[in-house]
Amino acid sequence: MSLVAGRGPLSSDPAGRFAPPIPGGVVYIEPHPRRVQAKLDGHVVIDTEQVLMVHRQGHPLSYLFRADEVGELPSQPEPEAPGFVYVPWDAVDNWLEEGRELVHYPPNPYHRVDCRPTRRRLRVSVAGTTLVDTDDTMIVFETALAPRLYVDPSLVRTDLLHRSPTSSYCNYKGFATYWSMGEIDDIAWSYPEPPPESLPIKGFLSFDATRADVIAELPNP
């Protein structure tokens, strides 16, 4: 997620609009005043606070480094930021930002997660069997994504679910555990150890509307 992904303002499908319109293909580059480190074979190969962040449509969010700070690592110059280069994510073993290990991509400074208790109703059923029917839910507003309801597992027929081997990772919610029902895989997921910004949904479940019958009372887009 970034300014250029999802429904972000510079994406191909923005939620809002600019007035007057801005030209296509805009690249946004900004200072990123955080300490970024990279490790390769157990050694720190980048350690800097002189970082730029680049937002480019159709590309993942990425760091830019001063060319003299990346050593012998593979890199590509950034035409829009003379003197700075892009280092491929997989060129090193580990990336860290302010000591926090990252997976897949840098965290987005414009990304926000708001978890709010709500009385919005959630009903989930599979093949006529009701798994959830409650208005005691948590609504998650997450930048560039549609709002989503989560529910405490005590309000779910968890006796009908079993753990799936599937896993995924989000820089803002952590590693996800998935749940299946019978032969229907991955109908729900939860975050057992989310970072501080997402602690209110720790262990709560959300359901995939393409794999289960989900009726969720959500805000109008």
C-alpha atoms as a PDB file:
ATOM      1  CA  MET A   1       0.000   0.000   0.000  1.00  0.00           C
ATOM      2  CA  SER A   2       1.222   3.479  -0.809  1.00  0.00           C
ATOM      3  CA  LEU A   3       0.198   6.722  -2.443  1.00  0.00           C
ATOM      4  CA  VAL A   4       0.310   4.838  -5.743  1.00  0.00           C
ATOM      5  CA  ALA A   5      -1.428   1.552  -4.784  1.00  0.00           C
ATOM      6  CA  GLY A   6      -4.971   0.556  -3.843  1.00  0.00           C
ATOM      7  CA  ARG A   7      -7.202   3.656  -3.929  1.00  0.00           C
ATOM      8  CA  GLY A   8      -4.295   5.979  -3.145  1.00  0.00           C
ATOM      9  CA  PRO A   9      -4.232   9.494  -4.671  1.00  0.00           C
ATOM     10  CA  LEU A  10      -1.555   8.641  -7.251  1.00  0.00           C
ATOM     11  CA  SER A  11      -2.904   5.167  -8.076  1.00  0.00           C
ATOM     12  CA  SER A  12      -4.693   4.172 -11.267  1.00  0.00           C
ATOM     13  CA  ASP A  13      -7.999   4.080  -9.348  1.00  0.00           C
ATOM     14  CA  PRO A  14      -7.899   6.900  -6.765  1.00  0.00           C
ATOM     15  CA  ALA A  15     -10.673   7.224  -4.207  1.00  0.00           C
ATOM     16  CA  GLY A  16     -10.748  10.997  -4.637  1.00  0.00           C
ATOM     17  CA  ARG A  17      -9.703  13.488  -7.295  1.00  0.00           C
ATOM     18  CA  PHE A  18      -7.300  16.348  -7.864  1.00  0.00           C
ATOM     19  CA  ALA A  19      -8.547  19.749  -8.946  1.00  0.00           C
ATOM     20  CA  PRO A  20      -7.093  20.643 -11.333  1.00  0.00           C
ATOM     21  CA  PRO A  21      -6.051  17.156 -12.506  1.00  0.00           C
ATOM     22  CA  ILE A  22      -2.370  16.272 -12.265  1.00  0.00           C
ATOM     23  CA  PRO A  23      -0.496  14.654 -15.167  1.00  0.00           C
ATOM     24  CA  GLY A  24      -0.128  10.899 -15.323  1.00  0.00           C
ATOM     25  CA  GLY A  25       3.135   9.217 -14.460  1.00  0.00           C
ATOM     26  CA  VAL A  26       3.901  11.511 -11.527  1.00  0.00           C
ATOM     27  CA  VAL A  27       6.722  10.213  -9.290  1.00  0.00           C
ATOM     28  CA  TYR A  28       6.828  11.468  -5.701  1.00  0.00           C
ATOM     29  CA  ILE A  29      10.190  11.415  -3.914  1.00  0.00           C
ATOM     30  CA  GLU A  30      10.604  12.638  -0.351  1.00  0.00           C
ATOM     31  CA  PRO A  31      13.097  12.570   2.548  1.00  0.00           C
ATOM     32  CA  HIS A  32      12.564   9.615   4.884  1.00  0.00           C
ATOM     33  CA  PRO A  33      14.149  10.645   8.221  1.00  0.00           C
ATOM     34  CA  ARG A  34      14.506   7.203   9.750  1.00  0.00           C
ATOM     35  CA  ARG A  35      17.498   4.941  10.298  1.00  0.00           C
ATOM     36  CA  VAL A  36      17.546   2.193   7.693  1.00  0.00           C
ATOM     37  CA  GLN A  37      19.916  -0.773   7.874  1.00  0.00           C
ATOM     38  CA  ALA A  38      20.560  -3.736   5.608  1.00  0.00           C
ATOM     39  CA  LYS A  39      22.353  -6.963   6.518  1.00  0.00           C
ATOM     40  CA  LEU A  40      24.050  -9.489   4.264  1.00  0.00           C
ATOM     41  CA  ASP A  41      25.708 -12.666   5.540  1.00  0.00           C
ATOM     42  CA  GLY A  42      25.371 -11.355   9.077  1.00  0.00           C
ATOM     43  CA  HIS A  43      27.133  -8.060   8.336  1.00  0.00           C
ATOM     44  CA  VAL A  44      25.598  -4.577   8.199  1.00  0.00           C
ATOM     45  CA  VAL A  45      26.108  -3.344   4.644  1.00  0.00           C
ATOM     46  CA  ILE A  46      23.896  -0.238   4.787  1.00  0.00           C
ATOM     47  CA  ASP A  47      23.409   1.942   7.845  1.00  0.00           C
ATOM     48  CA  THR A  48      22.111   5.411   7.113  1.00  0.00           C
ATOM     49  CA  GLU A  49      19.635   8.137   7.968  1.00  0.00           C
ATOM     50  CA  GLN A  50      20.096   9.829   4.581  1.00  0.00           C
ATOM     51  CA  VAL A  51      17.246   7.978   2.892  1.00  0.00           C
ATOM     52  CA  LEU A  52      14.730   9.009   0.270  1.00  0.00           C
ATOM     53  CA  MET A  53      11.458   7.219  -0.385  1.00  0.00           C
ATOM     54  CA  VAL A  54      10.044   6.946  -3.891  1.00  0.00           C
ATOM     55  CA  HIS A  55       6.356   6.503  -4.781  1.00  0.00           C
ATOM     56  CA  ARG A  56       5.920   5.436  -8.427  1.00  0.00           C
ATOM     57  CA  GLN A  57       2.717   4.043  -9.925  1.00  0.00           C
ATOM     58  CA  GLY A  58       2.979   0.363 -10.773  1.00  0.00           C
ATOM     59  CA  HIS A  59       6.027  -0.167  -8.539  1.00  0.00           C
ATOM     60  CA  PRO A  60       6.362  -1.150  -4.886  1.00  0.00           C
ATOM     61  CA  LEU A  61       7.302   1.522  -2.391  1.00  0.00           C
ATOM     62  CA  SER A  62      11.103   1.697  -2.241  1.00  0.00           C
ATOM     63  CA  TYR A  63      14.070   3.323  -0.549  1.00  0.00           C
ATOM     64  CA  LEU A  64      16.736   5.356  -2.308  1.00  0.00           C
ATOM     65  CA  PHE A  65      20.270   5.624  -0.907  1.00  0.00           C
ATOM     66  CA  ARG A  66      23.210   7.864  -1.609  1.00  0.00           C
ATOM     67  CA  ALA A  67      25.370   6.074  -4.145  1.00  0.00           C
ATOM     68  CA  ASP A  68      28.407   6.191  -1.864  1.00  0.00           C
ATOM     69  CA  GLU A  69      26.559   4.380   0.952  1.00  0.00           C
ATOM     70  CA  VAL A  70      25.717   1.067  -0.774  1.00  0.00           C
ATOM     71  CA  GLY A  71      29.231  -0.280  -1.328  1.00  0.00           C
ATOM     72  CA  GLU A  72      29.369  -3.193  -3.763  1.00  0.00           C
ATOM     73  CA  LEU A  73      25.670  -4.006  -3.569  1.00  0.00           C
ATOM     74  CA  PRO A  74      23.808  -4.151  -6.882  1.00  0.00           C
ATOM     75  CA  SER A  75      22.057  -0.846  -7.514  1.00  0.00           C
ATOM     76  CA  GLN A  76      20.342   1.257 -10.138  1.00  0.00           C
ATOM     77  CA  PRO A  77      20.492   5.052 -10.426  1.00  0.00           C
ATOM     78  CA  GLU A  78      17.261   6.985  -9.940  1.00  0.00           C
ATOM     79  CA  PRO A  79      16.904   9.571 -12.738  1.00  0.00           C
ATOM     80  CA  GLU A  80      14.529  11.666 -10.607  1.00  0.00           C
ATOM     81  CA  ALA A  81      17.016  11.849  -7.700  1.00  0.00           C
ATOM     82  CA  PRO A  82      20.560  12.437  -8.976  1.00  0.00           C
ATOM     83  CA  GLY A  83      23.200  10.885  -6.741  1.00  0.00           C
ATOM     84  CA  PHE A  84      20.784   8.347  -5.255  1.00  0.00           C
ATOM     85  CA  VAL A  85      20.337   4.694  -6.189  1.00  0.00           C
ATOM     86  CA  TYR A  86      17.823   1.905  -5.724  1.00  0.00           C
ATOM     87  CA  VAL A  87      19.014  -1.378  -4.156  1.00  0.00           C
ATOM     88  CA  PRO A  88      16.858  -4.440  -4.986  1.00  0.00           C
ATOM     89  CA  TRP A  89      15.014  -5.765  -1.935  1.00  0.00           C
ATOM     90  CA  ASP A  90      16.427  -9.274  -2.368  1.00  0.00           C
ATOM     91  CA  ALA A  91      20.018  -8.042  -2.687  1.00  0.00           C
ATOM     92  CA  VAL A  92      20.406  -8.382   1.090  1.00  0.00           C
ATOM     93  CA  ASP A  93      19.200 -10.841   3.715  1.00  0.00           C
ATOM     94  CA  ASN A  94      17.486  -8.455   6.124  1.00  0.00           C
ATOM     95  CA  TRP A  95      16.148  -4.905   6.102  1.00  0.00           C
ATOM     96  CA  LEU A  96      15.517  -2.952   9.295  1.00  0.00           C
ATOM     97  CA  GLU A  97      13.936   0.429   9.939  1.00  0.00           C
ATOM     98  CA  GLU A  98      14.607   1.925  13.375  1.00  0.00           C
ATOM     99  CA  GLY A  99      15.475  -1.599  14.540  1.00  0.00           C
ATOM    100  CA  ARG A 100      12.270  -3.219  13.295  1.00  0.00           C
ATOM    101  CA  GLU A 101      12.803  -6.012  10.773  1.00  0.00           C
ATOM    102  CA  LEU A 102      10.858  -5.573   7.559  1.00  0.00           C
ATOM    103  CA  VAL A 103       9.334  -8.103   5.190  1.00  0.00           C
ATOM    104  CA  HIS A 104       8.568  -7.572   1.500  1.00  0.00           C
ATOM    105  CA  TYR A 105       8.596  -3.750   1.399  1.00  0.00           C
ATOM    106  CA  PRO A 106       9.254  -0.609   3.460  1.00  0.00           C
ATOM    107  CA  PRO A 107       6.493   0.660   5.748  1.00  0.00           C
ATOM    108  CA  ASN A 108       4.553   3.513   4.219  1.00  0.00           C
ATOM    109  CA  PRO A 109       4.651   6.810   6.151  1.00  0.00           C
ATOM    110  CA  TYR A 110       1.169   7.621   4.833  1.00  0.00           C
ATOM    111  CA  HIS A 111      -0.368   4.310   5.857  1.00  0.00           C
ATOM    112  CA  ARG A 112      -2.610   4.340   8.914  1.00  0.00           C
ATOM    113  CA  VAL A 113      -4.575   1.633  10.706  1.00  0.00           C
ATOM    114  CA  ASP A 114      -7.526   2.646  12.915  1.00  0.00           C
ATOM    115  CA  CYS A 115      -9.228  -0.141  14.877  1.00  0.00           C
ATOM    116  CA  ARG A 116     -12.535   0.974  16.428  1.00  0.00           C
ATOM    117  CA  PRO A 117     -15.107  -0.980  18.466  1.00  0.00           C
ATOM    118  CA  THR A 118     -18.459  -0.770  16.719  1.00  0.00           C
ATOM    119  CA  ARG A 119     -22.000  -2.138  16.719  1.00  0.00           C
ATOM    120  CA  ARG A 120     -21.893  -2.892  12.998  1.00  0.00           C
ATOM    121  CA  ARG A 121     -23.360  -6.299  12.367  1.00  0.00           C
ATOM    122  CA  LEU A 122     -21.484  -9.248  10.897  1.00  0.00           C
ATOM    123  CA  ARG A 123     -23.091 -12.487   9.775  1.00  0.00           C
ATOM    124  CA  VAL A 124     -21.036 -15.301   8.262  1.00  0.00           C
ATOM    125  CA  SER A 125     -22.298 -18.662   7.102  1.00  0.00           C
ATOM    126  CA  VAL A 126     -20.984 -21.559   5.039  1.00  0.00           C
ATOM    127  CA  ALA A 127     -23.317 -24.077   3.346  1.00  0.00           C
ATOM    128  CA  GLY A 128     -26.158 -22.967   5.610  1.00  0.00           C
ATOM    129  CA  THR A 129     -24.163 -23.221   8.850  1.00  0.00           C
ATOM    130  CA  THR A 130     -23.816 -19.945  10.737  1.00  0.00           C
ATOM    131  CA  LEU A 131     -20.324 -19.218  12.020  1.00  0.00           C
ATOM    132  CA  VAL A 132     -20.861 -15.628  13.212  1.00  0.00           C
ATOM    133  CA  ASP A 133     -23.914 -13.500  13.926  1.00  0.00           C
ATOM    134  CA  THR A 134     -23.121 -10.501  16.109  1.00  0.00           C
ATOM    135  CA  ASP A 135     -23.017  -6.721  16.292  1.00  0.00           C
ATOM    136  CA  ASP A 136     -20.079  -6.778  18.716  1.00  0.00           C
ATOM    137  CA  THR A 137     -17.370  -6.152  16.145  1.00  0.00           C
ATOM    138  CA  MET A 138     -14.203  -4.194  15.484  1.00  0.00           C
ATOM    139  CA  ILE A 139     -14.041  -2.103  12.322  1.00  0.00           C
ATOM    140  CA  VAL A 140     -10.626  -1.547  10.764  1.00  0.00           C
ATOM    141  CA  PHE A 141     -10.046   1.532   8.638  1.00  0.00           C
ATOM    142  CA  GLU A 142      -6.805   1.089   6.734  1.00  0.00           C
ATOM    143  CA  THR A 143      -5.366   3.550   4.245  1.00  0.00           C
ATOM    144  CA  ALA A 144      -6.275   2.809   0.604  1.00  0.00           C
ATOM    145  CA  LEU A 145      -8.306  -0.285   1.589  1.00  0.00           C
ATOM    146  CA  ALA A 146     -12.015  -0.814   2.117  1.00  0.00           C
ATOM    147  CA  PRO A 147     -13.110  -0.930   5.802  1.00  0.00           C
ATOM    148  CA  ARG A 148     -13.287  -4.443   7.240  1.00  0.00           C
ATOM    149  CA  LEU A 149     -14.968  -6.036  10.245  1.00  0.00           C
ATOM    150  CA  TYR A 150     -13.110  -8.261  12.717  1.00  0.00           C
ATOM    151  CA  VAL A 151     -14.679 -10.273  15.521  1.00  0.00           C
ATOM    152  CA  ASP A 152     -13.530 -11.802  18.796  1.00  0.00           C
ATOM    153  CA  PRO A 153     -13.075 -15.591  18.418  1.00  0.00           C
ATOM    154  CA  SER A 154     -15.397 -16.138  21.407  1.00  0.00           C
ATOM    155  CA  LEU A 155     -18.223 -15.024  19.082  1.00  0.00           C
ATOM    156  CA  VAL A 156     -17.243 -17.454  16.312  1.00  0.00           C
ATOM    157  CA  ARG A 157     -18.008 -21.173  15.906  1.00  0.00           C
ATOM    158  CA  THR A 158     -14.288 -21.891  16.073  1.00  0.00           C
ATOM    159  CA  ASP A 159     -15.092 -25.541  16.793  1.00  0.00           C
ATOM    160  CA  LEU A 160     -15.923 -25.799  13.085  1.00  0.00           C
ATOM    161  CA  LEU A 161     -12.645 -24.246  11.948  1.00  0.00           C
ATOM    162  CA  HIS A 162      -9.154 -25.665  11.668  1.00  0.00           C
ATOM    163  CA  ARG A 163      -5.788 -24.038  11.123  1.00  0.00           C
ATOM    164  CA  SER A 164      -4.552 -23.743   7.571  1.00  0.00           C
ATOM    165  CA  PRO A 165      -0.879 -23.919   6.511  1.00  0.00           C
ATOM    166  CA  THR A 166      -1.355 -20.621   4.657  1.00  0.00           C
ATOM    167  CA  SER A 167       0.444 -17.566   5.999  1.00  0.00           C
ATOM    168  CA  SER A 168       0.916 -13.989   4.848  1.00  0.00           C
ATOM    169  CA  TYR A 169       2.573 -10.850   6.154  1.00  0.00           C
ATOM    170  CA  CYS A 170       1.542  -7.206   6.470  1.00  0.00           C
ATOM    171  CA  ASN A 171       3.924  -4.516   7.712  1.00  0.00           C
ATOM    172  CA  TYR A 172       1.025  -2.939   9.618  1.00  0.00           C
ATOM    173  CA  LYS A 173      -0.746  -5.993  11.069  1.00  0.00           C
ATOM    174  CA  GLY A 174       1.992  -8.633  11.200  1.00  0.00           C
ATOM    175  CA  PHE A 175       1.901 -12.316  10.240  1.00  0.00           C
ATOM    176  CA  ALA A 176      -1.552 -13.710   9.477  1.00  0.00           C
ATOM    177  CA  THR A 177      -2.838 -17.135  10.497  1.00  0.00           C
ATOM    178  CA  TYR A 178      -5.520 -18.625   8.237  1.00  0.00           C
ATOM    179  CA  TRP A 179      -8.492 -20.821   9.061  1.00  0.00           C
ATOM    180  CA  SER A 180     -10.434 -23.334   6.968  1.00  0.00           C
ATOM    181  CA  MET A 181     -13.765 -25.129   7.334  1.00  0.00           C
ATOM    182  CA  GLY A 182     -14.033 -28.644   6.010  1.00  0.00           C
ATOM    183  CA  GLU A 183     -12.732 -28.609   2.460  1.00  0.00           C
ATOM    184  CA  ILE A 184     -13.095 -24.840   2.074  1.00  0.00           C
ATOM    185  CA  ASP A 185      -9.644 -23.362   2.567  1.00  0.00           C
ATOM    186  CA  ASP A 186      -8.749 -20.031   4.119  1.00  0.00           C
ATOM    187  CA  ILE A 187     -12.190 -18.641   4.842  1.00  0.00           C
ATOM    188  CA  ALA A 188     -10.840 -16.532   7.704  1.00  0.00           C
ATOM    189  CA  TRP A 189      -7.617 -15.059   9.022  1.00  0.00           C
ATOM    190  CA  SER A 190      -6.303 -13.509  12.201  1.00  0.00           C
ATOM    191  CA  TYR A 191      -3.182 -11.734  13.463  1.00  0.00           C
ATOM    192  CA  PRO A 192      -1.890 -13.434  16.630  1.00  0.00           C
ATOM    193  CA  GLU A 193       0.951 -10.948  17.288  1.00  0.00           C
ATOM    194  CA  PRO A 194       0.214  -7.629  15.574  1.00  0.00           C
ATOM    195  CA  PRO A 195       2.404  -4.533  16.005  1.00  0.00           C
ATOM    196  CA  PRO A 196       1.218  -1.801  18.417  1.00  0.00           C
ATOM    197  CA  GLU A 197      -0.934   0.062  15.877  1.00  0.00           C
ATOM    198  CA  SER A 198      -3.086  -3.050  15.332  1.00  0.00           C
ATOM    199  CA  LEU A 199      -3.205  -4.517  18.867  1.00  0.00           C
ATOM    200  CA  PRO A 200      -7.014  -4.052  19.180  1.00  0.00           C
ATOM    201  CA  ILE A 201      -7.520  -6.860  16.626  1.00  0.00           C
ATOM    202  CA  LYS A 202      -5.036  -9.280  18.197  1.00  0.00           C
ATOM    203  CA  GLY A 203      -6.462 -12.772  17.653  1.00  0.00           C
ATOM    204  CA  PHE A 204      -9.689 -11.441  16.101  1.00  0.00           C
ATOM    205  CA  LEU A 205     -10.997 -13.073  12.914  1.00  0.00           C
ATOM    206  CA  SER A 206     -12.046 -11.590   9.600  1.00  0.00           C
ATOM    207  CA  PHE A 207     -13.750 -13.523   6.814  1.00  0.00           C
ATOM    208  CA  ASP A 208     -13.247 -13.829   3.056  1.00  0.00           C
ATOM    209  CA  ALA A 209     -16.481 -12.985   1.249  1.00  0.00           C
ATOM    210  CA  THR A 210     -15.368 -14.984  -1.791  1.00  0.00           C
ATOM    211  CA  ARG A 211     -15.182 -18.212   0.272  1.00  0.00           C
ATOM    212  CA  ALA A 212     -18.048 -17.765   2.724  1.00  0.00           C
ATOM    213  CA  ASP A 213     -21.426 -16.018   2.763  1.00  0.00           C
ATOM    214  CA  VAL A 214     -20.591 -12.737   4.483  1.00  0.00           C
ATOM    215  CA  ILE A 215     -23.068  -9.991   5.325  1.00  0.00           C
ATOM    216  CA  ALA A 216     -21.143  -7.080   6.819  1.00  0.00           C
ATOM    217  CA  GLU A 217     -22.635  -3.734   7.780  1.00  0.00           C
ATOM    218  CA  LEU A 218     -20.004  -1.376   6.415  1.00  0.00           C
ATOM    219  CA  PRO A 219     -19.883   2.336   5.513  1.00  0.00           C
ATOM    220  CA  ASN A 220     -21.044   3.271   2.035  1.00  0.00           C
ATOM    221  CA  PRO A 221     -18.078   3.912  -0.290  1.00  0.00           C
END
